[in-house]
Structures are given as structure tokens and as C-alpha cells.
Amino acid sequence: MWYVMQADEDANLIVGFNKAMTKETYLKHLKEKTLIDVLNFDNVKEGDTYFIEAGRVHAIGAGVLLAEIQQTSDVTYRVYDWDRVDSKGNERELHNDIALDAFDFNMKDDFRVSYKKSLNTDNTMVSCPFFTTNYIEITSKLKKENTKDSFIIYMCVAGVVSLITDTYKTQISKGETVLIPASLTNYVLESANAKLLEVYV
């Protein structure tokens, strides 16, 4: 899942293809070095959210700062590298053979996430077998109770928020993250104006 925290004017993400694609047409564009012509470029702004399921081609464009939440995985298949080379003229390794087996060419264009933005409450953005992410915009004091038997991660995507327990207080600012252990069941989030992503499994 991607949440755009900040984006320059005309900044974009690549998500999926811009037309119906099959294995054969994909290989044709790959061979002819025209893959960029069939990639879907989405202009983005702060708050835009995407759910990127396995099997969908994707990449982050220049001028985009985003928060990424994903299942535990260290697998990345690179299918195109903009014909870049290093100082010795070598290209980075591509993984087109194995990526081809991972692609799902029948995916619908349903990767954009719509979500509510009610103040001082949890607004579900994405919930899947691997994680749930809520959007919380805080303008006061919010009492939280963890009954999920899971750790909870808070990613501050705008402003500054205080985390307060019976014995501890700290602050996190935009770009910072805090992990709440499952054993901490009650705490308070407080801010005059902050935006958080709340993530748990």
C-alpha cells in the first residue's frame, strides 16, 4: 500500500498498464523497448492512496514522498531500468523471466483507494490478510485501546503528535514511526493538527 505524503507538481507513480495487456503484447513491447509507452502514469497529490497487489507492475516517480506498508517480503522483480548504466557501462540486473510468471495481466484498474477522513477516529483505508491500515486525522486528544492482540505501528504523515501512556510521553513528527507493543493496551494520541497511518496485522 502506498500513501502519498508529499508530491511535486506533475509528479507521478507508475501503477499497472494503460491498456489491456497479454503476455504476448508485453513481450513484444519489451523486445521493441517500448514498454514505457504502455505503462500507466498516475499524477499524484498528498493523500492519494494505492493498494498494489502482487502481480501488478509499479514504480515510484521522481518528486514523490510516500509511506509504504507491505507484507513481510524481500522479493523485487525489476523489469525495466530506463536504460541506465553505471560508471562502467553495466546495466542493473533485470528479472523479466521470473517476473513474467508473477504478472497478473487480468487485473482490474481498482488500485486507487477511497477512504473517509472523519476527524479523531479510525478511517479504514486497506484491510487485507497481511495488514490493516487506518487513516487518523487528530485535532484533539484521542484515547486508544488496543484489543487486537497485535503490535500497532503509527506513521506520522503530517504534523506532530504526542503519544502518552501512564508512565511515558513522546512525540513523532512527519516521516517518523513508532511501534506500540501488543502489551500496551491503553494510551492517548494528542495533537492540534496531525495525520497518522495506523497499521496492524
C-alpha atoms as a PDB file:
ATOM      1  CA  MET A   1       0.000   0.000   0.000  1.00  0.00           C
ATOM      2  CA  TRP A   2       1.219   3.486  -0.875  1.00  0.00           C
ATOM      3  CA  TYR A   3       0.126   6.721   0.809  1.00  0.00           C
ATOM      4  CA  VAL A   4       1.425   9.908  -0.822  1.00  0.00           C
ATOM      5  CA  MET A   5       2.788  12.215   1.877  1.00  0.00           C
ATOM      6  CA  GLN A   6       4.105  14.880  -0.469  1.00  0.00           C
ATOM      7  CA  ALA A   7       4.352  15.331  -4.231  1.00  0.00           C
ATOM      8  CA  ASP A   8       5.866  17.914  -6.525  1.00  0.00           C
ATOM      9  CA  GLU A   9       3.669  19.389  -9.214  1.00  0.00           C
ATOM     10  CA  ASP A  10       3.144  16.851 -12.023  1.00  0.00           C
ATOM     11  CA  ALA A  11       4.864  14.099 -10.004  1.00  0.00           C
ATOM     12  CA  ASN A  12       3.575  10.636 -10.737  1.00  0.00           C
ATOM     13  CA  LEU A  13       3.564   6.954  -9.941  1.00  0.00           C
ATOM     14  CA  ILE A  14       3.539   4.030 -12.337  1.00  0.00           C
ATOM     15  CA  VAL A  15       0.746   1.618 -11.499  1.00  0.00           C
ATOM     16  CA  GLY A  16      -0.281  -1.068 -13.978  1.00  0.00           C
ATOM     17  CA  PHE A  17      -0.680  -0.663 -17.723  1.00  0.00           C
ATOM     18  CA  ASN A  18      -2.592   1.968 -19.680  1.00  0.00           C
ATOM     19  CA  LYS A  19      -4.321  -0.577 -21.906  1.00  0.00           C
ATOM     20  CA  ALA A  20      -5.308  -4.235 -21.934  1.00  0.00           C
ATOM     21  CA  MET A  21      -2.199  -6.371 -21.855  1.00  0.00           C
ATOM     22  CA  THR A  22      -1.367 -10.007 -22.524  1.00  0.00           C
ATOM     23  CA  LYS A  23       1.831 -11.951 -22.107  1.00  0.00           C
ATOM     24  CA  GLU A  24       2.409 -11.741 -25.847  1.00  0.00           C
ATOM     25  CA  THR A  25       1.888  -7.991 -26.168  1.00  0.00           C
ATOM     26  CA  TYR A  26       4.003  -7.374 -23.074  1.00  0.00           C
ATOM     27  CA  LEU A  27       6.890  -9.390 -24.547  1.00  0.00           C
ATOM     28  CA  LYS A  28       6.516  -7.511 -27.834  1.00  0.00           C
ATOM     29  CA  HIS A  29       6.845  -4.131 -26.111  1.00  0.00           C
ATOM     30  CA  LEU A  30       9.729  -5.430 -24.030  1.00  0.00           C
ATOM     31  CA  LYS A  31      11.599  -6.647 -27.103  1.00  0.00           C
ATOM     32  CA  GLU A  32      10.969  -3.417 -29.024  1.00  0.00           C
ATOM     33  CA  LYS A  33      11.945  -1.284 -25.988  1.00  0.00           C
ATOM     34  CA  THR A  34       8.533   0.434 -25.969  1.00  0.00           C
ATOM     35  CA  LEU A  35       7.418  -0.755 -22.538  1.00  0.00           C
ATOM     36  CA  ILE A  36       7.272   2.817 -21.250  1.00  0.00           C
ATOM     37  CA  ASP A  37       4.548   3.554 -23.817  1.00  0.00           C
ATOM     38  CA  VAL A  38       2.115   1.102 -22.209  1.00  0.00           C
ATOM     39  CA  LEU A  39       2.792   1.879 -18.546  1.00  0.00           C
ATOM     40  CA  ASN A  40       0.102   3.762 -16.618  1.00  0.00           C
ATOM     41  CA  PHE A  41       1.434   7.043 -15.191  1.00  0.00           C
ATOM     42  CA  ASP A  42      -0.800   8.472 -12.453  1.00  0.00           C
ATOM     43  CA  ASN A  43      -0.294  12.085 -11.376  1.00  0.00           C
ATOM     44  CA  VAL A  44      -0.487  12.234  -7.594  1.00  0.00           C
ATOM     45  CA  LYS A  45      -1.079  14.642  -4.728  1.00  0.00           C
ATOM     46  CA  GLU A  46      -0.903  14.412  -0.945  1.00  0.00           C
ATOM     47  CA  GLY A  47      -3.354  11.863   0.448  1.00  0.00           C
ATOM     48  CA  ASP A  48      -3.614   9.736  -2.689  1.00  0.00           C
ATOM     49  CA  THR A  49      -3.545   6.068  -1.732  1.00  0.00           C
ATOM     50  CA  TYR A  50      -2.904   2.922  -3.761  1.00  0.00           C
ATOM     51  CA  PHE A  51      -3.255  -0.764  -2.973  1.00  0.00           C
ATOM     52  CA  ILE A  52      -0.674  -2.618  -5.044  1.00  0.00           C
ATOM     53  CA  GLU A  53      -1.488  -6.314  -5.162  1.00  0.00           C
ATOM     54  CA  ALA A  54       1.150  -8.869  -6.092  1.00  0.00           C
ATOM     55  CA  GLY A  55       1.372  -9.229  -9.840  1.00  0.00           C
ATOM     56  CA  ARG A  56       0.948  -5.542 -10.736  1.00  0.00           C
ATOM     57  CA  VAL A  57       3.822  -3.573 -12.251  1.00  0.00           C
ATOM     58  CA  HIS A  58       4.591  -0.441 -10.205  1.00  0.00           C
ATOM     59  CA  ALA A  59       7.267   2.203  -9.615  1.00  0.00           C
ATOM     60  CA  ILE A  60       7.690   5.483  -7.734  1.00  0.00           C
ATOM     61  CA  GLY A  61       8.369   8.567  -9.836  1.00  0.00           C
ATOM     62  CA  ALA A  62      10.636  11.495  -9.022  1.00  0.00           C
ATOM     63  CA  GLY A  63       9.327  14.130  -6.630  1.00  0.00           C
ATOM     64  CA  VAL A  64       7.142  11.760  -4.594  1.00  0.00           C
ATOM     65  CA  LEU A  65       7.491  11.112  -0.864  1.00  0.00           C
ATOM     66  CA  LEU A  66       5.290   8.252   0.244  1.00  0.00           C
ATOM     67  CA  ALA A  67       4.660   5.820   3.062  1.00  0.00           C
ATOM     68  CA  GLU A  68       4.746   2.167   2.058  1.00  0.00           C
ATOM     69  CA  ILE A  69       3.112  -0.631   4.014  1.00  0.00           C
ATOM     70  CA  GLN A  70       3.606  -4.185   2.846  1.00  0.00           C
ATOM     71  CA  GLN A  71       3.590  -7.792   3.902  1.00  0.00           C
ATOM     72  CA  THR A  72       6.901  -9.250   5.007  1.00  0.00           C
ATOM     73  CA  SER A  73       8.791  -9.811   1.757  1.00  0.00           C
ATOM     74  CA  ASP A  74      12.217  -9.229   0.251  1.00  0.00           C
ATOM     75  CA  VAL A  75      11.245 -10.092  -3.341  1.00  0.00           C
ATOM     76  CA  THR A  76      11.530  -7.394  -6.001  1.00  0.00           C
ATOM     77  CA  TYR A  77      11.492  -8.104  -9.724  1.00  0.00           C
ATOM     78  CA  ARG A  78      12.980  -5.363 -11.908  1.00  0.00           C
ATOM     79  CA  VAL A  79      11.605  -5.447 -15.454  1.00  0.00           C
ATOM     80  CA  TYR A  80      12.855  -2.105 -16.780  1.00  0.00           C
ATOM     81  CA  ASP A  81      15.571   0.306 -15.609  1.00  0.00           C
ATOM     82  CA  TRP A  82      15.202   3.230 -18.031  1.00  0.00           C
ATOM     83  CA  ASP A  83      18.278   2.029 -19.958  1.00  0.00           C
ATOM     84  CA  ARG A  84      20.552   3.329 -17.201  1.00  0.00           C
ATOM     85  CA  VAL A  85      24.129   2.134 -16.830  1.00  0.00           C
ATOM     86  CA  ASP A  86      26.711   2.514 -14.092  1.00  0.00           C
ATOM     87  CA  SER A  87      30.116   4.202 -14.396  1.00  0.00           C
ATOM     88  CA  LYS A  88      31.476   1.076 -16.115  1.00  0.00           C
ATOM     89  CA  GLY A  89      28.664   0.916 -18.641  1.00  0.00           C
ATOM     90  CA  ASN A  90      26.906  -2.021 -16.965  1.00  0.00           C
ATOM     91  CA  GLU A  91      23.138  -2.262 -16.660  1.00  0.00           C
ATOM     92  CA  ARG A  92      21.468  -3.465 -13.466  1.00  0.00           C
ATOM     93  CA  GLU A  93      20.136  -6.992 -13.436  1.00  0.00           C
ATOM     94  CA  LEU A  94      16.617  -7.431 -14.793  1.00  0.00           C
ATOM     95  CA  HIS A  95      14.251 -10.249 -13.816  1.00  0.00           C
ATOM     96  CA  ASN A  96      11.909 -10.484 -16.782  1.00  0.00           C
ATOM     97  CA  ASP A  97      11.778 -14.278 -16.936  1.00  0.00           C
ATOM     98  CA  ILE A  98      10.578 -14.797 -13.384  1.00  0.00           C
ATOM     99  CA  ALA A  99       8.545 -11.562 -13.353  1.00  0.00           C
ATOM    100  CA  LEU A 100       6.570 -12.831 -16.311  1.00  0.00           C
ATOM    101  CA  ASP A 101       5.327 -15.726 -14.183  1.00  0.00           C
ATOM    102  CA  ALA A 102       4.341 -13.304 -11.419  1.00  0.00           C
ATOM    103  CA  PHE A 103       2.397 -10.835 -13.569  1.00  0.00           C
ATOM    104  CA  ASP A 104      -1.386 -10.925 -13.471  1.00  0.00           C
ATOM    105  CA  PHE A 105      -2.425  -9.409 -16.791  1.00  0.00           C
ATOM    106  CA  ASN A 106      -6.137  -9.705 -15.946  1.00  0.00           C
ATOM    107  CA  MET A 107      -6.105  -7.286 -13.020  1.00  0.00           C
ATOM    108  CA  LYS A 108      -8.785  -4.585 -12.985  1.00  0.00           C
ATOM    109  CA  ASP A 109      -7.853  -0.920 -12.607  1.00  0.00           C
ATOM    110  CA  ASP A 110      -9.036  -0.914  -8.993  1.00  0.00           C
ATOM    111  CA  PHE A 111      -5.786   0.089  -7.332  1.00  0.00           C
ATOM    112  CA  ARG A 112      -6.885   3.580  -6.187  1.00  0.00           C
ATOM    113  CA  VAL A 113      -8.148   3.596  -2.591  1.00  0.00           C
ATOM    114  CA  SER A 114     -11.069   5.758  -1.486  1.00  0.00           C
ATOM    115  CA  TYR A 115     -11.428   6.321   2.244  1.00  0.00           C
ATOM    116  CA  LYS A 116     -13.243   8.540   4.718  1.00  0.00           C
ATOM    117  CA  LYS A 117     -11.415  11.350   6.502  1.00  0.00           C
ATOM    118  CA  SER A 118     -13.541  11.822   9.603  1.00  0.00           C
ATOM    119  CA  LEU A 119     -11.650  13.643  12.346  1.00  0.00           C
ATOM    120  CA  ASN A 120     -10.384  11.982  15.534  1.00  0.00           C
ATOM    121  CA  THR A 121     -11.397   8.451  14.627  1.00  0.00           C
ATOM    122  CA  ASP A 122     -10.111   5.435  12.693  1.00  0.00           C
ATOM    123  CA  ASN A 123     -10.895   5.531   8.962  1.00  0.00           C
ATOM    124  CA  THR A 124     -10.145   2.194   7.296  1.00  0.00           C
ATOM    125  CA  MET A 125      -8.095   2.546   4.129  1.00  0.00           C
ATOM    126  CA  VAL A 126      -6.963  -1.004   3.346  1.00  0.00           C
ATOM    127  CA  SER A 127      -7.702  -4.287   5.085  1.00  0.00           C
ATOM    128  CA  CYS A 128      -6.226  -7.483   3.657  1.00  0.00           C
ATOM    129  CA  PRO A 129      -4.935 -10.794   5.083  1.00  0.00           C
ATOM    130  CA  PHE A 130      -1.479  -9.262   5.612  1.00  0.00           C
ATOM    131  CA  PHE A 131      -2.238  -5.907   7.266  1.00  0.00           C
ATOM    132  CA  THR A 132      -4.864  -3.286   8.032  1.00  0.00           C
ATOM    133  CA  THR A 133      -4.201   0.429   7.627  1.00  0.00           C
ATOM    134  CA  ASN A 134      -6.353   3.194   9.091  1.00  0.00           C
ATOM    135  CA  TYR A 135      -6.157   6.935   8.475  1.00  0.00           C
ATOM    136  CA  ILE A 136      -6.441   9.113  11.581  1.00  0.00           C
ATOM    137  CA  GLU A 137      -6.529  12.903  11.460  1.00  0.00           C
ATOM    138  CA  ILE A 138      -6.119  14.210  15.001  1.00  0.00           C
ATOM    139  CA  THR A 139      -7.193  17.664  16.153  1.00  0.00           C
ATOM    140  CA  SER A 140      -7.545  16.986  19.887  1.00  0.00           C
ATOM    141  CA  LYS A 141      -6.957  14.167  22.385  1.00  0.00           C
ATOM    142  CA  LEU A 142      -7.796  10.620  21.259  1.00  0.00           C
ATOM    143  CA  LYS A 143      -7.925   7.752  23.756  1.00  0.00           C
ATOM    144  CA  LYS A 144      -6.895   4.424  22.237  1.00  0.00           C
ATOM    145  CA  GLU A 145      -7.429   0.866  23.441  1.00  0.00           C
ATOM    146  CA  ASN A 146      -5.588  -1.996  21.761  1.00  0.00           C
ATOM    147  CA  THR A 147      -7.758  -5.139  21.809  1.00  0.00           C
ATOM    148  CA  LYS A 148      -6.281  -6.645  18.644  1.00  0.00           C
ATOM    149  CA  ASP A 149      -3.572  -8.890  20.150  1.00  0.00           C
ATOM    150  CA  SER A 150      -1.154  -7.263  17.701  1.00  0.00           C
ATOM    151  CA  PHE A 151       1.519  -4.632  17.754  1.00  0.00           C
ATOM    152  CA  ILE A 152       0.394  -1.333  16.227  1.00  0.00           C
ATOM    153  CA  ILE A 153       2.540   0.929  14.080  1.00  0.00           C
ATOM    154  CA  TYR A 154       1.863   4.653  13.804  1.00  0.00           C
ATOM    155  CA  MET A 155       3.402   6.533  10.902  1.00  0.00           C
ATOM    156  CA  CYS A 156       3.110  10.300  11.157  1.00  0.00           C
ATOM    157  CA  VAL A 157       2.419  11.632   7.663  1.00  0.00           C
ATOM    158  CA  ALA A 158       1.730  15.267   8.617  1.00  0.00           C
ATOM    159  CA  GLY A 159       2.200  17.452  11.683  1.00  0.00           C
ATOM    160  CA  VAL A 160       3.363  16.382  15.145  1.00  0.00           C
ATOM    161  CA  VAL A 161       1.546  14.039  17.526  1.00  0.00           C
ATOM    162  CA  SER A 162       2.157  13.129  21.164  1.00  0.00           C
ATOM    163  CA  LEU A 163       1.914   9.540  22.368  1.00  0.00           C
ATOM    164  CA  ILE A 164       1.066   9.392  26.058  1.00  0.00           C
ATOM    165  CA  THR A 165       0.944   6.389  28.405  1.00  0.00           C
ATOM    166  CA  ASP A 166       0.669   6.196  32.182  1.00  0.00           C
ATOM    167  CA  THR A 167       4.439   6.302  32.510  1.00  0.00           C
ATOM    168  CA  TYR A 168       5.798   7.706  29.256  1.00  0.00           C
ATOM    169  CA  LYS A 169       5.352  10.512  26.739  1.00  0.00           C
ATOM    170  CA  THR A 170       6.981  11.065  23.371  1.00  0.00           C
ATOM    171  CA  GLN A 171       6.357  12.899  20.114  1.00  0.00           C
ATOM    172  CA  ILE A 172       6.600  11.833  16.500  1.00  0.00           C
ATOM    173  CA  SER A 173       6.754  14.207  13.535  1.00  0.00           C
ATOM    174  CA  LYS A 174       6.122  13.843   9.831  1.00  0.00           C
ATOM    175  CA  GLY A 175       8.191  10.945   8.494  1.00  0.00           C
ATOM    176  CA  GLU A 176       8.671   9.302  11.894  1.00  0.00           C
ATOM    177  CA  THR A 177       7.254   5.978  13.065  1.00  0.00           C
ATOM    178  CA  VAL A 178       6.550   4.408  16.423  1.00  0.00           C
ATOM    179  CA  LEU A 179       5.737   0.786  17.259  1.00  0.00           C
ATOM    180  CA  ILE A 180       3.290   0.075  20.066  1.00  0.00           C
ATOM    181  CA  PRO A 181       3.751  -3.408  21.588  1.00  0.00           C
ATOM    182  CA  ALA A 182       0.660  -5.595  21.955  1.00  0.00           C
ATOM    183  CA  SER A 183       1.177  -5.496  25.725  1.00  0.00           C
ATOM    184  CA  LEU A 184       0.399  -1.757  25.800  1.00  0.00           C
ATOM    185  CA  THR A 185      -3.380  -1.745  25.729  1.00  0.00           C
ATOM    186  CA  ASN A 186      -4.232   1.854  26.668  1.00  0.00           C
ATOM    187  CA  TYR A 187      -2.650   5.112  25.560  1.00  0.00           C
ATOM    188  CA  VAL A 188      -3.515   8.564  24.226  1.00  0.00           C
ATOM    189  CA  LEU A 189      -2.728  10.285  20.945  1.00  0.00           C
ATOM    190  CA  GLU A 190      -2.834  14.071  21.098  1.00  0.00           C
ATOM    191  CA  SER A 191      -2.313  16.828  18.542  1.00  0.00           C
ATOM    192  CA  ALA A 192      -3.837  20.096  17.355  1.00  0.00           C
ATOM    193  CA  ASN A 193      -3.316  19.062  13.745  1.00  0.00           C
ATOM    194  CA  ALA A 194      -1.666  15.806  12.665  1.00  0.00           C
ATOM    195  CA  LYS A 195      -2.279  12.926  10.302  1.00  0.00           C
ATOM    196  CA  LEU A 196      -1.350   9.317  11.126  1.00  0.00           C
ATOM    197  CA  LEU A 197      -1.428   5.933   9.469  1.00  0.00           C
ATOM    198  CA  GLU A 198      -2.301   3.192  11.956  1.00  0.00           C
ATOM    199  CA  VAL A 199      -1.080  -0.237  10.878  1.00  0.00           C
ATOM    200  CA  TYR A 200      -1.551  -3.670  12.438  1.00  0.00           C
ATOM    201  CA  VAL A 201      -1.765  -7.328  11.442  1.00  0.00           C
END
